[in-house]
Amino acid sequence: ESGGGLVQAGGSLRLSCTASGSIFRNNNMAWYRQAPGKQRELVAVS
């Protein structure tokens, strides 16, 4: 994963994730996030 950073509220970022072929070809891919002190949560599914 890459593309993260520090941004002000209202701003934008574009994250990228390069995956190995096997996992990418055979699955729907998704983004998750984990905030401090919280469980990992599903954000988006392609």
ModelCIF file with pLDDT and N, C-alpha, C, O atoms, coordinates in Angstrom:
data_MODEL
#
_entry.id   MODEL 
#
_entity.id                         1 
_entity.type                       polymer 
_entity.pdbx_number_of_molecules   1 
#
_entity_poly.entity_id                      1 
_entity_poly.type                           'polypeptide(L)' 
_entity_poly.nstd_linkage                   no 
_entity_poly.nstd_monomer                   no 
_entity_poly.pdbx_seq_one_letter_code       ESGGGLVQAGGSLRLSCTASGSIFRNNNMAWYRQAPGKQRELVAVS 
_entity_poly.pdbx_seq_one_letter_code_can   ESGGGLVQAGGSLRLSCTASGSIFRNNNMAWYRQAPGKQRELVAVS 
_entity_poly.pdbx_strand_id                 A 
#
loop_
_entity_poly_seq.entity_id 
_entity_poly_seq.num 
_entity_poly_seq.mon_id 
_entity_poly_seq.hetero 
1 1  GLU n 
1 2  SER n 
1 3  GLY n 
1 4  GLY n 
1 5  GLY n 
1 6  LEU n 
1 7  VAL n 
1 8  GLN n 
1 9  ALA n 
1 10 GLY n 
1 11 GLY n 
1 12 SER n 
1 13 LEU n 
1 14 ARG n 
1 15 LEU n 
1 16 SER n 
1 17 CYS n 
1 18 THR n 
1 19 ALA n 
1 20 SER n 
1 21 GLY n 
1 22 SER n 
1 23 ILE n 
1 24 PHE n 
1 25 ARG n 
1 26 ASN n 
1 27 ASN n 
1 28 ASN n 
1 29 MET n 
1 30 ALA n 
1 31 TRP n 
1 32 TYR n 
1 33 ARG n 
1 34 GLN n 
1 35 ALA n 
1 36 PRO n 
1 37 GLY n 
1 38 LYS n 
1 39 GLN n 
1 40 ARG n 
1 41 GLU n 
1 42 LEU n 
1 43 VAL n 
1 44 ALA n 
1 45 VAL n 
1 46 SER n 
#
_struct_asym.id          A 
_struct_asym.entity_id   1 
#
loop_
_ma_qa_metric.id 
_ma_qa_metric.mode 
_ma_qa_metric.name 
_ma_qa_metric.software_group_id 
_ma_qa_metric.type 
1 global pLDDT . pLDDT 
2 local  pLDDT . pLDDT 
#
_ma_qa_metric_global.metric_id      1 
_ma_qa_metric_global.metric_value   95.09 
_ma_qa_metric_global.model_id       1 
_ma_qa_metric_global.ordinal_id     1 
#
loop_
_ma_qa_metric_local.label_asym_id 
_ma_qa_metric_local.label_comp_id 
_ma_qa_metric_local.label_seq_id 
_ma_qa_metric_local.metric_id 
_ma_qa_metric_local.metric_value 
_ma_qa_metric_local.model_id 
_ma_qa_metric_local.ordinal_id 
A GLU 1  2 98.00 1 1  
A SER 2  2 98.00 1 2  
A GLY 3  2 98.00 1 3  
A GLY 4  2 98.00 1 4  
A GLY 5  2 98.00 1 5  
A LEU 6  2 98.00 1 6  
A VAL 7  2 98.00 1 7  
A GLN 8  2 98.00 1 8  
A ALA 9  2 98.00 1 9  
A GLY 10 2 98.00 1 10 
A GLY 11 2 98.00 1 11 
A SER 12 2 98.00 1 12 
A LEU 13 2 98.00 1 13 
A ARG 14 2 98.00 1 14 
A LEU 15 2 98.00 1 15 
A SER 16 2 98.00 1 16 
A CYS 17 2 97.00 1 17 
A THR 18 2 96.00 1 18 
A ALA 19 2 92.00 1 19 
A SER 20 2 85.00 1 20 
A GLY 21 2 76.00 1 21 
A SER 22 2 86.00 1 22 
A ILE 23 2 88.00 1 23 
A PHE 24 2 87.00 1 24 
A ARG 25 2 87.00 1 25 
A ASN 26 2 87.00 1 26 
A ASN 27 2 90.00 1 27 
A ASN 28 2 95.00 1 28 
A MET 29 2 96.00 1 29 
A ALA 30 2 97.00 1 30 
A TRP 31 2 98.00 1 31 
A TYR 32 2 98.00 1 32 
A ARG 33 2 98.00 1 33 
A GLN 34 2 98.00 1 34 
A ALA 35 2 97.00 1 35 
A PRO 36 2 92.00 1 36 
A GLY 37 2 94.00 1 37 
A LYS 38 2 96.00 1 38 
A GLN 39 2 96.00 1 39 
A ARG 40 2 97.00 1 40 
A GLU 41 2 97.00 1 41 
A LEU 42 2 98.00 1 42 
A VAL 43 2 98.00 1 43 
A ALA 44 2 98.00 1 44 
A VAL 45 2 97.00 1 45 
A SER 46 2 95.00 1 46 
#
loop_
_atom_site.group_PDB 
_atom_site.id 
_atom_site.type_symbol 
_atom_site.label_atom_id 
_atom_site.label_alt_id 
_atom_site.label_comp_id 
_atom_site.label_asym_id 
_atom_site.label_entity_id 
_atom_site.label_seq_id 
_atom_site.pdbx_PDB_ins_code 
_atom_site.Cartn_x 
_atom_site.Cartn_y 
_atom_site.Cartn_z 
_atom_site.occupancy 
_atom_site.B_iso_or_equiv 
_atom_site.pdbx_formal_charge 
_atom_site.auth_seq_id 
_atom_site.auth_comp_id 
_atom_site.auth_asym_id 
_atom_site.auth_atom_id 
_atom_site.pdbx_PDB_model_num 
ATOM 1   N N  . GLU A 1 1  ? 0.838   -1.193  0.000   1.00 98.00 ? 1  GLU A N  1 
ATOM 2   C CA . GLU A 1 1  ? 0.000   0.000   0.000   1.00 98.00 ? 1  GLU A CA 1 
ATOM 3   C C  . GLU A 1 1  ? 0.879   1.251   0.000   1.00 98.00 ? 1  GLU A C  1 
ATOM 4   O O  . GLU A 1 1  ? 1.967   1.262   0.577   1.00 98.00 ? 1  GLU A O  1 
ATOM 5   N N  . SER A 1 2  ? 0.391   2.295   -0.652  1.00 98.00 ? 2  SER A N  1 
ATOM 6   C CA . SER A 1 2  ? 1.115   3.563   -0.688  1.00 98.00 ? 2  SER A CA 1 
ATOM 7   C C  . SER A 1 2  ? 0.136   4.702   -0.910  1.00 98.00 ? 2  SER A C  1 
ATOM 8   O O  . SER A 1 2  ? -1.036  4.484   -1.217  1.00 98.00 ? 2  SER A O  1 
ATOM 9   N N  . GLY A 1 3  ? 0.640   5.931   -0.748  1.00 98.00 ? 3  GLY A N  1 
ATOM 10  C CA . GLY A 1 3  ? -0.166  7.106   -1.057  1.00 98.00 ? 3  GLY A CA 1 
ATOM 11  C C  . GLY A 1 3  ? -0.710  7.846   0.145   1.00 98.00 ? 3  GLY A C  1 
ATOM 12  O O  . GLY A 1 3  ? -1.321  8.904   -0.005  1.00 98.00 ? 3  GLY A O  1 
ATOM 13  N N  . GLY A 1 4  ? -0.502  7.314   1.325   1.00 98.00 ? 4  GLY A N  1 
ATOM 14  C CA . GLY A 1 4  ? -0.985  7.999   2.513   1.00 98.00 ? 4  GLY A CA 1 
ATOM 15  C C  . GLY A 1 4  ? -0.180  9.251   2.803   1.00 98.00 ? 4  GLY A C  1 
ATOM 16  O O  . GLY A 1 4  ? 0.806   9.552   2.131   1.00 98.00 ? 4  GLY A O  1 
ATOM 17  N N  . GLY A 1 5  ? -0.623  9.970   3.817   1.00 98.00 ? 5  GLY A N  1 
ATOM 18  C CA . GLY A 1 5  ? 0.076   11.192  4.205   1.00 98.00 ? 5  GLY A CA 1 
ATOM 19  C C  . GLY A 1 5  ? -0.744  12.024  5.144   1.00 98.00 ? 5  GLY A C  1 
ATOM 20  O O  . GLY A 1 5  ? -1.772  11.589  5.663   1.00 98.00 ? 5  GLY A O  1 
ATOM 21  N N  . LEU A 1 6  ? -0.267  13.243  5.354   1.00 98.00 ? 6  LEU A N  1 
ATOM 22  C CA . LEU A 1 6  ? -0.952  14.204  6.210   1.00 98.00 ? 6  LEU A CA 1 
ATOM 23  C C  . LEU A 1 6  ? -1.681  15.210  5.325   1.00 98.00 ? 6  LEU A C  1 
ATOM 24  O O  . LEU A 1 6  ? -1.087  15.790  4.415   1.00 98.00 ? 6  LEU A O  1 
ATOM 25  N N  . VAL A 1 7  ? -2.955  15.414  5.592   1.00 98.00 ? 7  VAL A N  1 
ATOM 26  C CA . VAL A 1 7  ? -3.748  16.326  4.787   1.00 98.00 ? 7  VAL A CA 1 
ATOM 27  C C  . VAL A 1 7  ? -4.722  17.061  5.699   1.00 98.00 ? 7  VAL A C  1 
ATOM 28  O O  . VAL A 1 7  ? -5.130  16.538  6.736   1.00 98.00 ? 7  VAL A O  1 
ATOM 29  N N  . GLN A 1 8  ? -5.083  18.249  5.315   1.00 98.00 ? 8  GLN A N  1 
ATOM 30  C CA . GLN A 1 8  ? -6.069  18.998  6.086   1.00 98.00 ? 8  GLN A CA 1 
ATOM 31  C C  . GLN A 1 8  ? -7.479  18.514  5.775   1.00 98.00 ? 8  GLN A C  1 
ATOM 32  O O  . GLN A 1 8  ? -7.734  17.958  4.707   1.00 98.00 ? 8  GLN A O  1 
ATOM 33  N N  . ALA A 1 9  ? -8.376  18.728  6.705   1.00 98.00 ? 9  ALA A N  1 
ATOM 34  C CA . ALA A 1 9  ? -9.772  18.372  6.483   1.00 98.00 ? 9  ALA A CA 1 
ATOM 35  C C  . ALA A 1 9  ? -10.277 19.031  5.207   1.00 98.00 ? 9  ALA A C  1 
ATOM 36  O O  . ALA A 1 9  ? -9.999  20.199  4.937   1.00 98.00 ? 9  ALA A O  1 
ATOM 37  N N  . GLY A 1 10 ? -11.026 18.254  4.429   1.00 98.00 ? 10 GLY A N  1 
ATOM 38  C CA . GLY A 1 10 ? -11.509 18.741  3.148   1.00 98.00 ? 10 GLY A CA 1 
ATOM 39  C C  . GLY A 1 10 ? -10.614 18.403  1.981   1.00 98.00 ? 10 GLY A C  1 
ATOM 40  O O  . GLY A 1 10 ? -11.002 18.571  0.825   1.00 98.00 ? 10 GLY A O  1 
ATOM 41  N N  . GLY A 1 11 ? -9.425  17.930  2.273   1.00 98.00 ? 11 GLY A N  1 
ATOM 42  C CA . GLY A 1 11 ? -8.477  17.591  1.227   1.00 98.00 ? 11 GLY A CA 1 
ATOM 43  C C  . GLY A 1 11 ? -8.713  16.210  0.645   1.00 98.00 ? 11 GLY A C  1 
ATOM 44  O O  . GLY A 1 11 ? -9.678  15.526  0.985   1.00 98.00 ? 11 GLY A O  1 
ATOM 45  N N  . SER A 1 12 ? -7.800  15.815  -0.249  1.00 98.00 ? 12 SER A N  1 
ATOM 46  C CA . SER A 1 12 ? -7.927  14.546  -0.962  1.00 98.00 ? 12 SER A CA 1 
ATOM 47  C C  . SER A 1 12 ? -6.611  13.778  -0.942  1.00 98.00 ? 12 SER A C  1 
ATOM 48  O O  . SER A 1 12 ? -5.529  14.358  -0.842  1.00 98.00 ? 12 SER A O  1 
ATOM 49  N N  . LEU A 1 13 ? -6.733  12.481  -1.039  1.00 98.00 ? 13 LEU A N  1 
ATOM 50  C CA . LEU A 1 13 ? -5.593  11.591  -1.205  1.00 98.00 ? 13 LEU A CA 1 
ATOM 51  C C  . LEU A 1 13 ? -6.016  10.444  -2.109  1.00 98.00 ? 13 LEU A C  1 
ATOM 52  O O  . LEU A 1 13 ? -7.192  10.087  -2.182  1.00 98.00 ? 13 LEU A O  1 
ATOM 53  N N  . ARG A 1 14 ? -5.042  9.882   -2.785  1.00 98.00 ? 14 ARG A N  1 
ATOM 54  C CA . ARG A 1 14 ? -5.305  8.690   -3.599  1.00 98.00 ? 14 ARG A CA 1 
ATOM 55  C C  . ARG A 1 14 ? -4.361  7.593   -3.145  1.00 98.00 ? 14 ARG A C  1 
ATOM 56  O O  . ARG A 1 14 ? -3.143  7.717   -3.271  1.00 98.00 ? 14 ARG A O  1 
ATOM 57  N N  . LEU A 1 15 ? -4.921  6.537   -2.624  1.00 98.00 ? 15 LEU A N  1 
ATOM 58  C CA . LEU A 1 15 ? -4.138  5.400   -2.172  1.00 98.00 ? 15 LEU A CA 1 
ATOM 59  C C  . LEU A 1 15 ? -4.014  4.380   -3.294  1.00 98.00 ? 15 LEU A C  1 
ATOM 60  O O  . LEU A 1 15 ? -4.915  4.223   -4.118  1.00 98.00 ? 15 LEU A O  1 
ATOM 61  N N  . SER A 1 16 ? -2.886  3.696   -3.306  1.00 98.00 ? 16 SER A N  1 
ATOM 62  C CA . SER A 1 16 ? -2.650  2.638   -4.273  1.00 98.00 ? 16 SER A CA 1 
ATOM 63  C C  . SER A 1 16 ? -2.236  1.370   -3.547  1.00 98.00 ? 16 SER A C  1 
ATOM 64  O O  . SER A 1 16 ? -1.622  1.421   -2.481  1.00 98.00 ? 16 SER A O  1 
ATOM 65  N N  . CYS A 1 17 ? -2.572  0.257   -4.125  1.00 97.00 ? 17 CYS A N  1 
ATOM 66  C CA . CYS A 1 17 ? -2.165  -1.032  -3.565  1.00 97.00 ? 17 CYS A CA 1 
ATOM 67  C C  . CYS A 1 17 ? -1.849  -1.970  -4.711  1.00 97.00 ? 17 CYS A C  1 
ATOM 68  O O  . CYS A 1 17 ? -2.697  -2.253  -5.558  1.00 97.00 ? 17 CYS A O  1 
ATOM 69  N N  . THR A 1 18 ? -0.626  -2.442  -4.723  1.00 96.00 ? 18 THR A N  1 
ATOM 70  C CA . THR A 1 18 ? -0.223  -3.436  -5.714  1.00 96.00 ? 18 THR A CA 1 
ATOM 71  C C  . THR A 1 18 ? -0.225  -4.804  -5.049  1.00 96.00 ? 18 THR A C  1 
ATOM 72  O O  . THR A 1 18 ? 0.404   -5.006  -4.011  1.00 96.00 ? 18 THR A O  1 
ATOM 73  N N  . ALA A 1 19 ? -0.928  -5.722  -5.649  1.00 92.00 ? 19 ALA A N  1 
ATOM 74  C CA . ALA A 1 19 ? -1.078  -7.048  -5.069  1.00 92.00 ? 19 ALA A CA 1 
ATOM 75  C C  . ALA A 1 19 ? -0.460  -8.100  -5.979  1.00 92.00 ? 19 ALA A C  1 
ATOM 76  O O  . ALA A 1 19 ? -0.347  -7.899  -7.188  1.00 92.00 ? 19 ALA A O  1 
ATOM 77  N N  . SER A 1 20 ? -0.066  -9.207  -5.397  1.00 85.00 ? 20 SER A N  1 
ATOM 78  C CA . SER A 1 20 ? 0.430   -10.318 -6.200  1.00 85.00 ? 20 SER A CA 1 
ATOM 79  C C  . SER A 1 20 ? -0.693  -10.844 -7.078  1.00 85.00 ? 20 SER A C  1 
ATOM 80  O O  . SER A 1 20 ? -1.874  -10.713 -6.755  1.00 85.00 ? 20 SER A O  1 
ATOM 81  N N  . GLY A 1 21 ? -0.297  -11.445 -8.203  1.00 76.00 ? 21 GLY A N  1 
ATOM 82  C CA . GLY A 1 21 ? -1.274  -11.814 -9.204  1.00 76.00 ? 21 GLY A CA 1 
ATOM 83  C C  . GLY A 1 21 ? -2.354  -12.746 -8.716  1.00 76.00 ? 21 GLY A C  1 
ATOM 84  O O  . GLY A 1 21 ? -3.523  -12.593 -9.069  1.00 76.00 ? 21 GLY A O  1 
ATOM 85  N N  . SER A 1 22 ? -1.970  -13.709 -7.907  1.00 86.00 ? 22 SER A N  1 
ATOM 86  C CA . SER A 1 22 ? -2.934  -14.727 -7.499  1.00 86.00 ? 22 SER A CA 1 
ATOM 87  C C  . SER A 1 22 ? -4.070  -14.127 -6.688  1.00 86.00 ? 22 SER A C  1 
ATOM 88  O O  . SER A 1 22 ? -5.236  -14.425 -6.945  1.00 86.00 ? 22 SER A O  1 
ATOM 89  N N  . ILE A 1 23 ? -3.750  -13.298 -5.727  1.00 88.00 ? 23 ILE A N  1 
ATOM 90  C CA . ILE A 1 23 ? -4.800  -12.753 -4.878  1.00 88.00 ? 23 ILE A CA 1 
ATOM 91  C C  . ILE A 1 23 ? -5.631  -11.745 -5.670  1.00 88.00 ? 23 ILE A C  1 
ATOM 92  O O  . ILE A 1 23 ? -6.837  -11.630 -5.455  1.00 88.00 ? 23 ILE A O  1 
ATOM 93  N N  . PHE A 1 24 ? -5.000  -11.030 -6.568  1.00 87.00 ? 24 PHE A N  1 
ATOM 94  C CA . PHE A 1 24 ? -5.710  -10.009 -7.321  1.00 87.00 ? 24 PHE A CA 1 
ATOM 95  C C  . PHE A 1 24 ? -6.661  -10.635 -8.328  1.00 87.00 ? 24 PHE A C  1 
ATOM 96  O O  . PHE A 1 24 ? -7.797  -10.185 -8.478  1.00 87.00 ? 24 PHE A O  1 
ATOM 97  N N  . ARG A 1 25 ? -6.201  -11.670 -9.019  1.00 87.00 ? 25 ARG A N  1 
ATOM 98  C CA . ARG A 1 25 ? -7.017  -12.276 -10.076 1.00 87.00 ? 25 ARG A CA 1 
ATOM 99  C C  . ARG A 1 25 ? -8.232  -13.010 -9.529  1.00 87.00 ? 25 ARG A C  1 
ATOM 100 O O  . ARG A 1 25 ? -9.292  -13.031 -10.155 1.00 87.00 ? 25 ARG A O  1 
ATOM 101 N N  . ASN A 1 26 ? -8.070  -13.606 -8.365  1.00 87.00 ? 26 ASN A N  1 
ATOM 102 C CA . ASN A 1 26 ? -9.081  -14.551 -7.890  1.00 87.00 ? 26 ASN A CA 1 
ATOM 103 C C  . ASN A 1 26 ? -10.072 -13.979 -6.887  1.00 87.00 ? 26 ASN A C  1 
ATOM 104 O O  . ASN A 1 26 ? -10.935 -14.697 -6.381  1.00 87.00 ? 26 ASN A O  1 
ATOM 105 N N  . ASN A 1 27 ? -9.950  -12.688 -6.601  1.00 90.00 ? 27 ASN A N  1 
ATOM 106 C CA . ASN A 1 27 ? -10.785 -12.116 -5.546  1.00 90.00 ? 27 ASN A CA 1 
ATOM 107 C C  . ASN A 1 27 ? -11.284 -10.724 -5.880  1.00 90.00 ? 27 ASN A C  1 
ATOM 108 O O  . ASN A 1 27 ? -10.671 -9.986  -6.652  1.00 90.00 ? 27 ASN A O  1 
ATOM 109 N N  . ASN A 1 28 ? -12.424 -10.385 -5.272  1.00 95.00 ? 28 ASN A N  1 
ATOM 110 C CA . ASN A 1 28 ? -12.767 -8.981  -5.197  1.00 95.00 ? 28 ASN A CA 1 
ATOM 111 C C  . ASN A 1 28 ? -11.799 -8.347  -4.210  1.00 95.00 ? 28 ASN A C  1 
ATOM 112 O O  . ASN A 1 28 ? -11.540 -8.912  -3.148  1.00 95.00 ? 28 ASN A O  1 
ATOM 113 N N  . MET A 1 29 ? -11.275 -7.204  -4.543  1.00 96.00 ? 29 MET A N  1 
ATOM 114 C CA . MET A 1 29 ? -10.334 -6.525  -3.667  1.00 96.00 ? 29 MET A CA 1 
ATOM 115 C C  . MET A 1 29 ? -11.056 -5.479  -2.842  1.00 96.00 ? 29 MET A C  1 
ATOM 116 O O  . MET A 1 29 ? -12.107 -4.974  -3.236  1.00 96.00 ? 29 MET A O  1 
ATOM 117 N N  . ALA A 1 30 ? -10.486 -5.159  -1.701  1.00 97.00 ? 30 ALA A N  1 
ATOM 118 C CA . ALA A 1 30 ? -11.142 -4.233  -0.779  1.00 97.00 ? 30 ALA A CA 1 
ATOM 119 C C  . ALA A 1 30 ? -10.106 -3.379  -0.057  1.00 97.00 ? 30 ALA A C  1 
ATOM 120 O O  . ALA A 1 30 ? -8.931  -3.732  0.039   1.00 97.00 ? 30 ALA A O  1 
ATOM 121 N N  . TRP A 1 31 ? -10.579 -2.260  0.440   1.00 98.00 ? 31 TRP A N  1 
ATOM 122 C CA . TRP A 1 31 ? -9.777  -1.425  1.329   1.00 98.00 ? 31 TRP A CA 1 
ATOM 123 C C  . TRP A 1 31 ? -10.381 -1.504  2.732   1.00 98.00 ? 31 TRP A C  1 
ATOM 124 O O  . TRP A 1 31 ? -11.599 -1.518  2.911   1.00 98.00 ? 31 TRP A O  1 
ATOM 125 N N  . TYR A 1 32 ? -9.492  -1.554  3.706   1.00 98.00 ? 32 TYR A N  1 
ATOM 126 C CA . TYR A 1 32 ? -9.864  -1.572  5.114   1.00 98.00 ? 32 TYR A CA 1 
ATOM 127 C C  . TYR A 1 32 ? -9.094  -0.441  5.809   1.00 98.00 ? 32 TYR A C  1 
ATOM 128 O O  . TYR A 1 32 ? -8.148  0.114   5.249   1.00 98.00 ? 32 TYR A O  1 
ATOM 129 N N  . ARG A 1 33 ? -9.506  -0.117  7.014   1.00 98.00 ? 33 ARG A N  1 
ATOM 130 C CA . ARG A 1 33 ? -8.740  0.846   7.797   1.00 98.00 ? 33 ARG A CA 1 
ATOM 131 C C  . ARG A 1 33 ? -8.842  0.494   9.285   1.00 98.00 ? 33 ARG A C  1 
ATOM 132 O O  . ARG A 1 33 ? -9.802  -0.122  9.749   1.00 98.00 ? 33 ARG A O  1 
ATOM 133 N N  . GLN A 1 34 ? -7.820  0.911   9.990   1.00 98.00 ? 34 GLN A N  1 
ATOM 134 C CA . GLN A 1 34 ? -7.802  0.687   11.429  1.00 98.00 ? 34 GLN A CA 1 
ATOM 135 C C  . GLN A 1 34 ? -7.315  1.958   12.110  1.00 98.00 ? 34 GLN A C  1 
ATOM 136 O O  . GLN A 1 34 ? -6.175  2.387   11.927  1.00 98.00 ? 34 GLN A O  1 
ATOM 137 N N  . ALA A 1 35 ? -8.198  2.543   12.891  1.00 97.00 ? 35 ALA A N  1 
ATOM 138 C CA . ALA A 1 35 ? -7.861  3.736   13.648  1.00 97.00 ? 35 ALA A CA 1 
ATOM 139 C C  . ALA A 1 35 ? -7.300  3.314   14.997  1.00 97.00 ? 35 ALA A C  1 
ATOM 140 O O  . ALA A 1 35 ? -7.556  2.197   15.448  1.00 97.00 ? 35 ALA A O  1 
ATOM 141 N N  . PRO A 1 36 ? -6.544  4.180   15.644  1.00 92.00 ? 36 PRO A N  1 
ATOM 142 C CA . PRO A 1 36 ? -5.962  3.845   16.951  1.00 92.00 ? 36 PRO A CA 1 
ATOM 143 C C  . PRO A 1 36 ? -7.039  3.426   17.946  1.00 92.00 ? 36 PRO A C  1 
ATOM 144 O O  . PRO A 1 36 ? -8.039  4.120   18.131  1.00 92.00 ? 36 PRO A O  1 
ATOM 145 N N  . GLY A 1 37 ? -6.813  2.273   18.585  1.00 94.00 ? 37 GLY A N  1 
ATOM 146 C CA . GLY A 1 37 ? -7.739  1.795   19.587  1.00 94.00 ? 37 GLY A CA 1 
ATOM 147 C C  . GLY A 1 37 ? -9.017  1.192   19.060  1.00 94.00 ? 37 GLY A C  1 
ATOM 148 O O  . GLY A 1 37 ? -9.914  0.858   19.834  1.00 94.00 ? 37 GLY A O  1 
ATOM 149 N N  . LYS A 1 38 ? -9.109  1.048   17.745  1.00 96.00 ? 38 LYS A N  1 
ATOM 150 C CA . LYS A 1 38 ? -10.332 0.501   17.147  1.00 96.00 ? 38 LYS A CA 1 
ATOM 151 C C  . LYS A 1 38 ? -10.020 -0.734  16.322  1.00 96.00 ? 38 LYS A C  1 
ATOM 152 O O  . LYS A 1 38 ? -8.873  -0.975  15.944  1.00 96.00 ? 38 LYS A O  1 
ATOM 153 N N  . GLN A 1 39 ? -11.054 -1.509  16.050  1.00 96.00 ? 39 GLN A N  1 
ATOM 154 C CA . GLN A 1 39 ? -10.876 -2.685  15.201  1.00 96.00 ? 39 GLN A CA 1 
ATOM 155 C C  . GLN A 1 39 ? -10.777 -2.274  13.734  1.00 96.00 ? 39 GLN A C  1 
ATOM 156 O O  . GLN A 1 39 ? -11.239 -1.206  13.334  1.00 96.00 ? 39 GLN A O  1 
ATOM 157 N N  . ARG A 1 40 ? -10.174 -3.134  12.965  1.00 97.00 ? 40 ARG A N  1 
ATOM 158 C CA . ARG A 1 40 ? -10.094 -2.900  11.538  1.00 97.00 ? 40 ARG A CA 1 
ATOM 159 C C  . ARG A 1 40 ? -11.500 -2.949  10.940  1.00 97.00 ? 40 ARG A C  1 
ATOM 160 O O  . ARG A 1 40 ? -12.300 -3.813  11.299  1.00 97.00 ? 40 ARG A O  1 
ATOM 161 N N  . GLU A 1 41 ? -11.794 -2.038  10.041  1.00 97.00 ? 41 GLU A N  1 
ATOM 162 C CA . GLU A 1 41 ? -13.117 -1.998  9.436   1.00 97.00 ? 41 GLU A CA 1 
ATOM 163 C C  . GLU A 1 41 ? -13.012 -1.976  7.919   1.00 97.00 ? 41 GLU A C  1 
ATOM 164 O O  . GLU A 1 41 ? -12.034 -1.496  7.347   1.00 97.00 ? 41 GLU A O  1 
ATOM 165 N N  . LEU A 1 42 ? -14.040 -2.505  7.292   1.00 98.00 ? 42 LEU A N  1 
ATOM 166 C CA . LEU A 1 42 ? -14.113 -2.535  5.841   1.00 98.00 ? 42 LEU A CA 1 
ATOM 167 C C  . LEU A 1 42 ? -14.552 -1.165  5.339   1.00 98.00 ? 42 LEU A C  1 
ATOM 168 O O  . LEU A 1 42 ? -15.523 -0.598  5.839   1.00 98.00 ? 42 LEU A O  1 
ATOM 169 N N  . VAL A 1 43 ? -13.844 -0.641  4.361   1.00 98.00 ? 43 VAL A N  1 
ATOM 170 C CA . VAL A 1 43 ? -14.145 0.683   3.828   1.00 98.00 ? 43 VAL A CA 1 
ATOM 171 C C  . VAL A 1 43 ? -14.818 0.606   2.463   1.00 98.00 ? 43 VAL A C  1 
ATOM 172 O O  . VAL A 1 43 ? -15.825 1.271   2.222   1.00 98.00 ? 43 VAL A O  1 
ATOM 173 N N  . ALA A 1 44 ? -14.261 -0.207  1.576   1.00 98.00 ? 44 ALA A N  1 
ATOM 174 C CA . ALA A 1 44 ? -14.790 -0.265  0.212   1.00 98.00 ? 44 ALA A CA 1 
ATOM 175 C C  . ALA A 1 44 ? -14.427 -1.591  -0.428  1.00 98.00 ? 44 ALA A C  1 
ATOM 176 O O  . ALA A 1 44 ? -13.386 -2.177  -0.129  1.00 98.00 ? 44 ALA A O  1 
ATOM 177 N N  . VAL A 1 45 ? -15.293 -2.056  -1.309  1.00 97.00 ? 45 VAL A N  1 
ATOM 178 C CA . VAL A 1 45 ? -15.085 -3.316  -2.014  1.00 97.00 ? 45 VAL A CA 1 
ATOM 179 C C  . VAL A 1 45 ? -15.232 -3.089  -3.499  1.00 97.00 ? 45 VAL A C  1 
ATOM 180 O O  . VAL A 1 45 ? -16.181 -2.447  -3.949  1.00 97.00 ? 45 VAL A O  1 
ATOM 181 N N  . SER A 1 46 ? -14.298 -3.615  -4.256  1.00 95.00 ? 46 SER A N  1 
ATOM 182 C CA . SER A 1 46 ? -14.361 -3.515  -5.709  1.00 95.00 ? 46 SER A CA 1 
ATOM 183 C C  . SER A 1 46 ? -14.854 -4.834  -6.262  1.00 95.00 ? 46 SER A C  1 
ATOM 184 O O  . SER A 1 46 ? -14.988 -4.982  -7.477  1.00 95.00 ? 46 SER A O  1 
#
